[in-house]
PDB file of N, CA and C in Angstrom:
ATOM      1  N   MET A   1       0.824  -1.189   0.000  1.00  0.00           N
ATOM      2  CA  MET A   1       0.000   0.000   0.000  1.00  0.00           C
ATOM      3  C   MET A   1       0.872   1.258   0.000  1.00  0.00           C
ATOM      4  N   VAL A   2       1.874   1.278   0.859  1.00  0.00           N
ATOM      5  CA  VAL A   2       2.772   2.430   0.940  1.00  0.00           C
ATOM      6  C   VAL A   2       3.576   2.561  -0.351  1.00  0.00           C
ATOM      7  N   PHE A   3       3.991   1.437  -0.913  1.00  0.00           N
ATOM      8  CA  PHE A   3       4.754   1.440  -2.160  1.00  0.00           C
ATOM      9  C   PHE A   3       3.948   2.079  -3.284  1.00  0.00           C
ATOM     10  N   GLY A   4       2.691   1.694  -3.403  1.00  0.00           N
ATOM     11  CA  GLY A   4       1.833   2.236  -4.453  1.00  0.00           C
ATOM     12  C   GLY A   4       1.627   3.736  -4.311  1.00  0.00           C
ATOM     13  N   TRP A   5       1.355   4.180  -3.099  1.00  0.00           N
ATOM     14  CA  TRP A   5       1.174   5.622  -2.875  1.00  0.00           C
ATOM     15  C   TRP A   5       2.467   6.387  -3.102  1.00  0.00           C
ATOM     16  N   GLY A   6       3.596   5.804  -2.724  1.00  0.00           N
ATOM     17  CA  GLY A   6       4.881   6.464  -2.959  1.00  0.00           C
ATOM     18  C   GLY A   6       5.170   6.641  -4.440  1.00  0.00           C
ATOM     19  N   VAL A   7       4.924   5.595  -5.217  1.00  0.00           N
ATOM     20  CA  VAL A   7       5.110   5.680  -6.673  1.00  0.00           C
ATOM     21  C   VAL A   7       4.171   6.718  -7.254  1.00  0.00           C
ATOM     22  N   PHE A   8       2.916   6.733  -6.792  1.00  0.00           N
ATOM     23  CA  PHE A   8       1.939   7.687  -7.304  1.00  0.00           C
ATOM     24  C   PHE A   8       2.341   9.130  -7.007  1.00  0.00           C
ATOM     25  N   ILE A   9       2.727   9.412  -5.784  1.00  0.00           N
ATOM     26  CA  ILE A   9       3.069  10.784  -5.401  1.00  0.00           C
ATOM     27  C   ILE A   9       4.317  11.265  -6.135  1.00  0.00           C
ATOM     28  N   ILE A  10       5.334  10.437  -6.187  1.00  0.00           N
ATOM     29  CA  ILE A  10       6.567  10.826  -6.878  1.00  0.00           C
ATOM     30  C   ILE A  10       6.315  11.046  -8.359  1.00  0.00           C
ATOM     31  N   SER A  11       5.575  10.143  -8.993  1.00  0.00           N
ATOM     32  CA  SER A  11       5.306  10.307 -10.425  1.00  0.00           C
ATOM     33  C   SER A  11       4.390  11.493 -10.690  1.00  0.00           C
ATOM     34  N   PHE A  12       3.462  11.778  -9.794  1.00  0.00           N
ATOM     35  CA  PHE A  12       2.580  12.935  -9.952  1.00  0.00           C
ATOM     36  C   PHE A  12       3.379  14.237  -9.898  1.00  0.00           C
ATOM     37  N   ILE A  13       4.286  14.329  -8.949  1.00  0.00           N
ATOM     38  CA  ILE A  13       5.125  15.530  -8.830  1.00  0.00           C
ATOM     39  C   ILE A  13       6.030  15.672 -10.052  1.00  0.00           C
ATOM     40  N   LEU A  14       6.644  14.583 -10.488  1.00  0.00           N
ATOM     41  CA  LEU A  14       7.502  14.638 -11.667  1.00  0.00           C
ATOM     42  C   LEU A  14       6.715  14.969 -12.934  1.00  0.00           C
ATOM     43  N   ALA A  15       5.476  14.469 -13.032  1.00  0.00           N
ATOM     44  CA  ALA A  15       4.642  14.779 -14.191  1.00  0.00           C
ATOM     45  C   ALA A  15       4.304  16.269 -14.229  1.00  0.00           C
ATOM     46  N   ILE A  16       4.011  16.863 -13.089  1.00  0.00           N
ATOM     47  CA  ILE A  16       3.731  18.302 -13.031  1.00  0.00           C
ATOM     48  C   ILE A  16       4.962  19.102 -13.438  1.00  0.00           C
ATOM     49  N   ILE A  17       6.121  18.702 -12.949  1.00  0.00           N
ATOM     50  CA  ILE A  17       7.365  19.395 -13.298  1.00  0.00           C
ATOM     51  C   ILE A  17       7.645  19.270 -14.793  1.00  0.00           C
ATOM     52  N   LEU A  18       7.480  18.076 -15.346  1.00  0.00           N
ATOM     53  CA  LEU A  18       7.718  17.888 -16.775  1.00  0.00           C
ATOM     54  C   LEU A  18       6.760  18.714 -17.627  1.00  0.00           C
ATOM     55  N   PHE A  19       5.490  18.753 -17.227  1.00  0.00           N
ATOM     56  CA  PHE A  19       4.524  19.525 -18.005  1.00  0.00           C
ATOM     57  C   PHE A  19       4.804  21.018 -17.900  1.00  0.00           C
ATOM     58  N   ALA A  20       5.175  21.489 -16.718  1.00  0.00           N
ATOM     59  CA  ALA A  20       5.475  22.913 -16.539  1.00  0.00           C
ATOM     60  C   ALA A  20       6.731  23.317 -17.302  1.00  0.00           C
ATOM     61  N   ARG A  21       7.661  22.403 -17.419  1.00  0.00           N
ATOM     62  CA  ARG A  21       8.925  22.699 -18.085  1.00  0.00           C
ATOM     63  C   ARG A  21       8.831  22.669 -19.607  1.00  0.00           C
ATOM     64  N   HIS A  22       8.144  21.658 -20.136  1.00  0.00           N
ATOM     65  CA  HIS A  22       8.135  21.449 -21.582  1.00  0.00           C
ATOM     66  C   HIS A  22       6.852  21.901 -22.262  1.00  0.00           C
ATOM     67  N   LYS A  23       5.773  22.108 -21.498  1.00  0.00           N
ATOM     68  CA  LYS A  23       4.460  22.501 -22.039  1.00  0.00           C
ATOM     69  C   LYS A  23       3.961  21.520 -23.090  1.00  0.00           C
ATOM     70  N   LYS A  24       4.326  20.252 -22.938  1.00  0.00           N
ATOM     71  CA  LYS A  24       3.872  19.201 -23.834  1.00  0.00           C
ATOM     72  C   LYS A  24       3.323  18.059 -22.986  1.00  0.00           C
ATOM     73  N   PHE A  25       2.400  17.325 -23.572  1.00  0.00           N
ATOM     74  CA  PHE A  25       1.709  16.283 -22.821  1.00  0.00           C
ATOM     75  C   PHE A  25       2.425  14.936 -22.853  1.00  0.00           C
ATOM     76  N   TYR A  26       3.209  14.662 -23.900  1.00  0.00           N
ATOM     77  CA  TYR A  26       3.810  13.329 -24.016  1.00  0.00           C
ATOM     78  C   TYR A  26       4.824  13.007 -22.914  1.00  0.00           C
ATOM     79  N   PRO A  27       5.598  13.988 -22.369  1.00  0.00           N
ATOM     80  CA  PRO A  27       6.457  13.596 -21.237  1.00  0.00           C
ATOM     81  C   PRO A  27       5.651  13.145 -20.021  1.00  0.00           C
ATOM     82  N   VAL A  28       4.468  13.723 -19.850  1.00  0.00           N
ATOM     83  CA  VAL A  28       3.605  13.310 -18.741  1.00  0.00           C
ATOM     84  C   VAL A  28       3.147  11.864 -18.956  1.00  0.00           C
ATOM     85  N   MET A  29       2.822  11.524 -20.194  1.00  0.00           N
ATOM     86  CA  MET A  29       2.398  10.156 -20.472  1.00  0.00           C
ATOM     87  C   MET A  29       3.551   9.164 -20.294  1.00  0.00           C
ATOM     88  N   TYR A  30       4.779   9.578 -20.611  1.00  0.00           N
ATOM     89  CA  TYR A  30       5.932   8.726 -20.328  1.00  0.00           C
ATOM     90  C   TYR A  30       6.035   8.459 -18.833  1.00  0.00           C
ATOM     91  N   MET A  31       5.855   9.510 -18.044  1.00  0.00           N
ATOM     92  CA  MET A  31       5.941   9.368 -16.591  1.00  0.00           C
ATOM     93  C   MET A  31       4.827   8.457 -16.068  1.00  0.00           C
ATOM     94  N   VAL A  32       3.629   8.590 -16.610  1.00  0.00           N
ATOM     95  CA  VAL A  32       2.517   7.734 -16.197  1.00  0.00           C
ATOM     96  C   VAL A  32       2.805   6.277 -16.536  1.00  0.00           C
ATOM     97  N   SER A  33       3.347   6.021 -17.719  1.00  0.00           N
ATOM     98  CA  SER A  33       3.630   4.639 -18.106  1.00  0.00           C
ATOM     99  C   SER A  33       4.745   4.035 -17.251  1.00  0.00           C
ATOM    100  N   ILE A  34       5.740   4.825 -16.920  1.00  0.00           N
ATOM    101  CA  ILE A  34       6.819   4.332 -16.054  1.00  0.00           C
ATOM    102  C   ILE A  34       6.281   4.013 -14.664  1.00  0.00           C
ATOM    103  N   ALA A  35       5.454   4.915 -14.128  1.00  0.00           N
ATOM    104  CA  ALA A  35       4.888   4.688 -12.799  1.00  0.00           C
ATOM    105  C   ALA A  35       3.974   3.473 -12.785  1.00  0.00           C
ATOM    106  N   LEU A  36       3.193   3.303 -13.843  1.00  0.00           N
ATOM    107  CA  LEU A  36       2.309   2.139 -13.926  1.00  0.00           C
ATOM    108  C   LEU A  36       3.112   0.848 -14.008  1.00  0.00           C
ATOM    109  N   TYR A  37       4.196   0.869 -14.749  1.00  0.00           N
ATOM    110  CA  TYR A  37       5.061  -0.316 -14.853  1.00  0.00           C
ATOM    111  C   TYR A  37       5.655  -0.673 -13.495  1.00  0.00           C
ATOM    112  N   ILE A  38       6.184   0.324 -12.802  1.00  0.00           N
ATOM    113  CA  ILE A  38       6.789   0.075 -11.485  1.00  0.00           C
ATOM    114  C   ILE A  38       5.751  -0.451 -10.507  1.00  0.00           C
ATOM    115  N   TYR A  39       4.574   0.167 -10.513  1.00  0.00           N
ATOM    116  CA  TYR A  39       3.525  -0.252  -9.594  1.00  0.00           C
ATOM    117  C   TYR A  39       3.057  -1.674  -9.906  1.00  0.00           C
ATOM    118  N   THR A  40       2.864  -1.992 -11.177  1.00  0.00           N
ATOM    119  CA  THR A  40       2.401  -3.328 -11.555  1.00  0.00           C
ATOM    120  C   THR A  40       3.428  -4.398 -11.191  1.00  0.00           C
ATOM    121  N   ALA A  41       4.687  -4.122 -11.473  1.00  0.00           N
ATOM    122  CA  ALA A  41       5.734  -5.087 -11.112  1.00  0.00           C
ATOM    123  C   ALA A  41       5.804  -5.255  -9.599  1.00  0.00           C
ATOM    124  N   GLY A  42       5.759  -4.148  -8.868  1.00  0.00           N
ATOM    125  CA  GLY A  42       5.797  -4.223  -7.408  1.00  0.00           C
ATOM    126  C   GLY A  42       4.600  -4.946  -6.831  1.00  0.00           C
ATOM    127  N   PHE A  43       3.422  -4.690  -7.408  1.00  0.00           N
ATOM    128  CA  PHE A  43       2.211  -5.364  -6.930  1.00  0.00           C
ATOM    129  C   PHE A  43       2.275  -6.861  -7.174  1.00  0.00           C
ATOM    130  N   SER A  44       2.695  -7.248  -8.367  1.00  0.00           N
ATOM    131  CA  SER A  44       2.738  -8.685  -8.669  1.00  0.00           C
ATOM    132  C   SER A  44       3.774  -9.398  -7.808  1.00  0.00           C
ATOM    133  N   ILE A  45       4.873  -8.747  -7.539  1.00  0.00           N
ATOM    134  CA  ILE A  45       5.907  -9.354  -6.686  1.00  0.00           C
ATOM    135  C   ILE A  45       5.393  -9.522  -5.262  1.00  0.00           C
ATOM    136  N   THR A  46       4.702  -8.488  -4.748  1.00  0.00           N
ATOM    137  CA  THR A  46       4.192  -8.536  -3.379  1.00  0.00           C
ATOM    138  C   THR A  46       2.990  -9.469  -3.255  1.00  0.00           C
ATOM    139  N   ALA A  47       2.057  -9.375  -4.178  1.00  0.00           N
ATOM    140  CA  ALA A  47       0.812 -10.140  -4.069  1.00  0.00           C
ATOM    141  C   ALA A  47       1.035 -11.640  -4.209  1.00  0.00           C
ATOM    142  N   PHE A  48       1.936 -12.030  -5.085  1.00  0.00           N
ATOM    143  CA  PHE A  48       2.164 -13.445  -5.326  1.00  0.00           C
ATOM    144  C   PHE A  48       3.372 -13.991  -4.587  1.00  0.00           C
ATOM    145  N   GLN A  49       4.040 -13.165  -3.786  1.00  0.00           N
ATOM    146  CA  GLN A  49       5.205 -13.560  -2.988  1.00  0.00           C
ATOM    147  C   GLN A  49       6.201 -14.352  -3.829  1.00  0.00           C
ATOM    148  N   LEU A  50       6.663 -13.697  -4.874  1.00  0.00           N
ATOM    149  CA  LEU A  50       7.557 -14.348  -5.825  1.00  0.00           C
ATOM    150  C   LEU A  50       8.977 -14.432  -5.289  1.00  0.00           C
ATOM    151  N   GLY A  51       9.688 -15.448  -5.734  1.00  0.00           N
ATOM    152  CA  GLY A  51      11.099 -15.608  -5.397  1.00  0.00           C
ATOM    153  C   GLY A  51      11.981 -14.821  -6.353  1.00  0.00           C
ATOM    154  N   LYS A  52      13.287 -14.948  -6.192  1.00  0.00           N
ATOM    155  CA  LYS A  52      14.235 -14.183  -7.014  1.00  0.00           C
ATOM    156  C   LYS A  52      14.100 -14.473  -8.504  1.00  0.00           C
ATOM    157  N   PHE A  53      14.016 -15.735  -8.857  1.00  0.00           N
ATOM    158  CA  PHE A  53      13.963 -16.087 -10.277  1.00  0.00           C
ATOM    159  C   PHE A  53      12.610 -15.741 -10.898  1.00  0.00           C
ATOM    160  N   ALA A  54      11.546 -15.836 -10.133  1.00  0.00           N
ATOM    161  CA  ALA A  54      10.224 -15.452 -10.637  1.00  0.00           C
ATOM    162  C   ALA A  54      10.148 -13.945 -10.859  1.00  0.00           C
ATOM    163  N   ILE A  55      10.781 -13.174  -9.975  1.00  0.00           N
ATOM    164  CA  ILE A  55      10.829 -11.719 -10.141  1.00  0.00           C
ATOM    165  C   ILE A  55      11.578 -11.376 -11.422  1.00  0.00           C
ATOM    166  N   LEU A  56      12.698 -12.018 -11.624  1.00  0.00           N
ATOM    167  CA  LEU A  56      13.472 -11.794 -12.840  1.00  0.00           C
ATOM    168  C   LEU A  56      12.669 -12.176 -14.080  1.00  0.00           C
ATOM    169  N   ALA A  57      11.932 -13.268 -14.017  1.00  0.00           N
ATOM    170  CA  ALA A  57      11.112 -13.687 -15.148  1.00  0.00           C
ATOM    171  C   ALA A  57      10.003 -12.678 -15.439  1.00  0.00           C
ATOM    172  N   VAL A  58       9.363 -12.150 -14.387  1.00  0.00           N
ATOM    173  CA  VAL A  58       8.317 -11.133 -14.570  1.00  0.00           C
ATOM    174  C   VAL A  58       8.902  -9.895 -15.238  1.00  0.00           C
ATOM    175  N   LEU A  59      10.059  -9.460 -14.803  1.00  0.00           N
ATOM    176  CA  LEU A  59      10.682  -8.274 -15.381  1.00  0.00           C
ATOM    177  C   LEU A  59      11.094  -8.506 -16.835  1.00  0.00           C
ATOM    178  N   ILE A  60      11.610  -9.676 -17.138  1.00  0.00           N
ATOM    179  CA  ILE A  60      12.017  -9.981 -18.515  1.00  0.00           C
ATOM    180  C   ILE A  60      10.806 -10.045 -19.438  1.00  0.00           C
ATOM    181  N   VAL A  61       9.774 -10.752 -19.013  1.00  0.00           N
ATOM    182  CA  VAL A  61       8.574 -10.877 -19.845  1.00  0.00           C
ATOM    183  C   VAL A  61       7.930  -9.515 -20.068  1.00  0.00           C
ATOM    184  N   SER A  62       7.821  -8.711 -19.023  1.00  0.00           N
ATOM    185  CA  SER A  62       7.197  -7.394 -19.185  1.00  0.00           C
ATOM    186  C   SER A  62       8.056  -6.481 -20.058  1.00  0.00           C
ATOM    187  N   ALA A  63       9.371  -6.583 -19.953  1.00  0.00           N
ATOM    188  CA  ALA A  63      10.234  -5.766 -20.807  1.00  0.00           C
ATOM    189  C   ALA A  63      10.072  -6.152 -22.276  1.00  0.00           C
ATOM    190  N   VAL A  64       9.998  -7.440 -22.557  1.00  0.00           N
ATOM    191  CA  VAL A  64       9.816  -7.892 -23.933  1.00  0.00           C
ATOM    192  C   VAL A  64       8.456  -7.440 -24.473  1.00  0.00           C
ATOM    193  N   ILE A  65       7.420  -7.560 -23.663  1.00  0.00           N
ATOM    194  CA  ILE A  65       6.089  -7.117 -24.090  1.00  0.00           C
ATOM    195  C   ILE A  65       6.105  -5.627 -24.419  1.00  0.00           C
ATOM    196  N   PHE A  66       6.692  -4.827 -23.559  1.00  0.00           N
ATOM    197  CA  PHE A  66       6.715  -3.385 -23.797  1.00  0.00           C
ATOM    198  C   PHE A  66       7.592  -3.016 -24.991  1.00  0.00           C
ATOM    199  N   MET A  67       8.682  -3.734 -25.219  1.00  0.00           N
ATOM    200  CA  MET A  67       9.502  -3.456 -26.405  1.00  0.00           C
ATOM    201  C   MET A  67       8.744  -3.766 -27.683  1.00  0.00           C
ATOM    202  N   LEU A  68       8.062  -4.915 -27.711  1.00  0.00           N
ATOM    203  CA  LEU A  68       7.279  -5.273 -28.892  1.00  0.00           C
ATOM    204  C   LEU A  68       6.126  -4.301 -29.107  1.00  0.00           C
ATOM    205  N   LEU A  69       5.455  -3.922 -28.031  1.00  0.00           N
ATOM    206  CA  LEU A  69       4.360  -2.961 -28.142  1.00  0.00           C
ATOM    207  C   LEU A  69       4.869  -1.600 -28.615  1.00  0.00           C
ATOM    208  N   GLY A  70       6.003  -1.165 -28.099  1.00  0.00           N
ATOM    209  CA  GLY A  70       6.587   0.098 -28.539  1.00  0.00           C
ATOM    210  C   GLY A  70       6.997   0.071 -29.995  1.00  0.00           C
ATOM    211  N   PHE A  71       7.584  -1.038 -30.430  1.00  0.00           N
ATOM    212  CA  PHE A  71       7.966  -1.162 -31.835  1.00  0.00           C
ATOM    213  C   PHE A  71       6.738  -1.132 -32.732  1.00  0.00           C
ATOM    214  N   TYR A  72       5.706  -1.868 -32.353  1.00  0.00           N
ATOM    215  CA  TYR A  72       4.483  -1.905 -33.150  1.00  0.00           C
ATOM    216  C   TYR A  72       3.841  -0.521 -33.222  1.00  0.00           C
ATOM    217  N   LEU A  73       3.700   0.138 -32.087  1.00  0.00           N
ATOM    218  CA  LEU A  73       3.066   1.456 -32.081  1.00  0.00           C
ATOM    219  C   LEU A  73       3.895   2.490 -32.829  1.00  0.00           C
ATOM    220  N   SER A  74       5.214   2.388 -32.769  1.00  0.00           N
ATOM    221  CA  SER A  74       6.038   3.351 -33.494  1.00  0.00           C
ATOM    222  C   SER A  74       5.913   3.157 -35.001  1.00  0.00           C
ATOM    223  N   THR A  75       5.764   1.924 -35.461  1.00  0.00           N
ATOM    224  CA  THR A  75       5.579   1.707 -36.902  1.00  0.00           C
ATOM    225  C   THR A  75       4.193   2.156 -37.337  1.00  0.00           C
ATOM    226  N   VAL A  76       3.181   1.926 -36.520  1.00  0.00           N
ATOM    227  CA  VAL A  76       1.821   2.351 -36.870  1.00  0.00           C
ATOM    228  C   VAL A  76       1.741   3.871 -36.923  1.00  0.00           C
ATOM    229  N   ILE A  77       2.309   4.542 -35.939  1.00  0.00           N
ATOM    230  CA  ILE A  77       2.286   6.006 -35.912  1.00  0.00           C
ATOM    231  C   ILE A  77       3.104   6.556 -37.058  1.00  0.00           C
ATOM    232  N   HIS A  78       4.245   5.951 -37.358  1.00  0.00           N
ATOM    233  CA  HIS A  78       5.094   6.406 -38.458  1.00  0.00           C
ATOM    234  C   HIS A  78       4.371   6.242 -39.792  1.00  0.00           C
ATOM    235  N   LEU A  79       3.695   5.131 -39.972  1.00  0.00           N
ATOM    236  CA  LEU A  79       2.953   4.916 -41.222  1.00  0.00           C
ATOM    237  C   LEU A  79       1.795   5.889 -41.358  1.00  0.00           C
ATOM    238  N   ASN A  80       1.106   6.173 -40.256  1.00  0.00           N
ATOM    239  CA  ASN A  80      -0.007   7.118 -40.301  1.00  0.00           C
ATOM    240  C   ASN A  80       0.452   8.542 -40.570  1.00  0.00           C
ATOM    241  N   SER A  81       1.633   8.911 -40.061  1.00  0.00           N
ATOM    242  CA  SER A  81       2.123  10.267 -40.297  1.00  0.00           C
ATOM    243  C   SER A  81       2.587  10.453 -41.740  1.00  0.00           C
ATOM    244  N   LYS A  82       3.028   9.378 -42.401  1.00  0.00           N
ATOM    245  CA  LYS A  82       3.446   9.456 -43.793  1.00  0.00           C
ATOM    246  C   LYS A  82       2.257   9.626 -44.726  1.00  0.00           C
ATOM    247  N   SER A  83       1.119   9.025 -44.352  1.00  0.00           N
ATOM    248  CA  SER A  83      -0.042   9.073 -45.236  1.00  0.00           C
ATOM    249  C   SER A  83      -0.733  10.428 -45.240  1.00  0.00           C
ATOM    250  N   LYS A  84      -0.443  11.271 -44.280  1.00  0.00           N
ATOM    251  CA  LYS A  84      -1.092  12.598 -44.211  1.00  0.00           C
ATOM    252  C   LYS A  84      -0.386  13.620 -45.045  1.00  0.00           C
TER     253      LYS A  84
END
């Protein structure tokens, strides 16, 4: 519970600073995605009482999923921007 609130408060403050500094919304979304990743990994580790190797497996699988999702979304966005 404390971990989740700590991640939320820190990411909220950093998101405000990023938005005030850059006046763009995408850095805020980066911060939200990072905070969500940290919270989800922390929750799954705590809730399922995972061991060292299971924690490593969760981190590896989630990293691969996010890399593939990022690659796919970057190609879709790139293709859509070319067609305009």
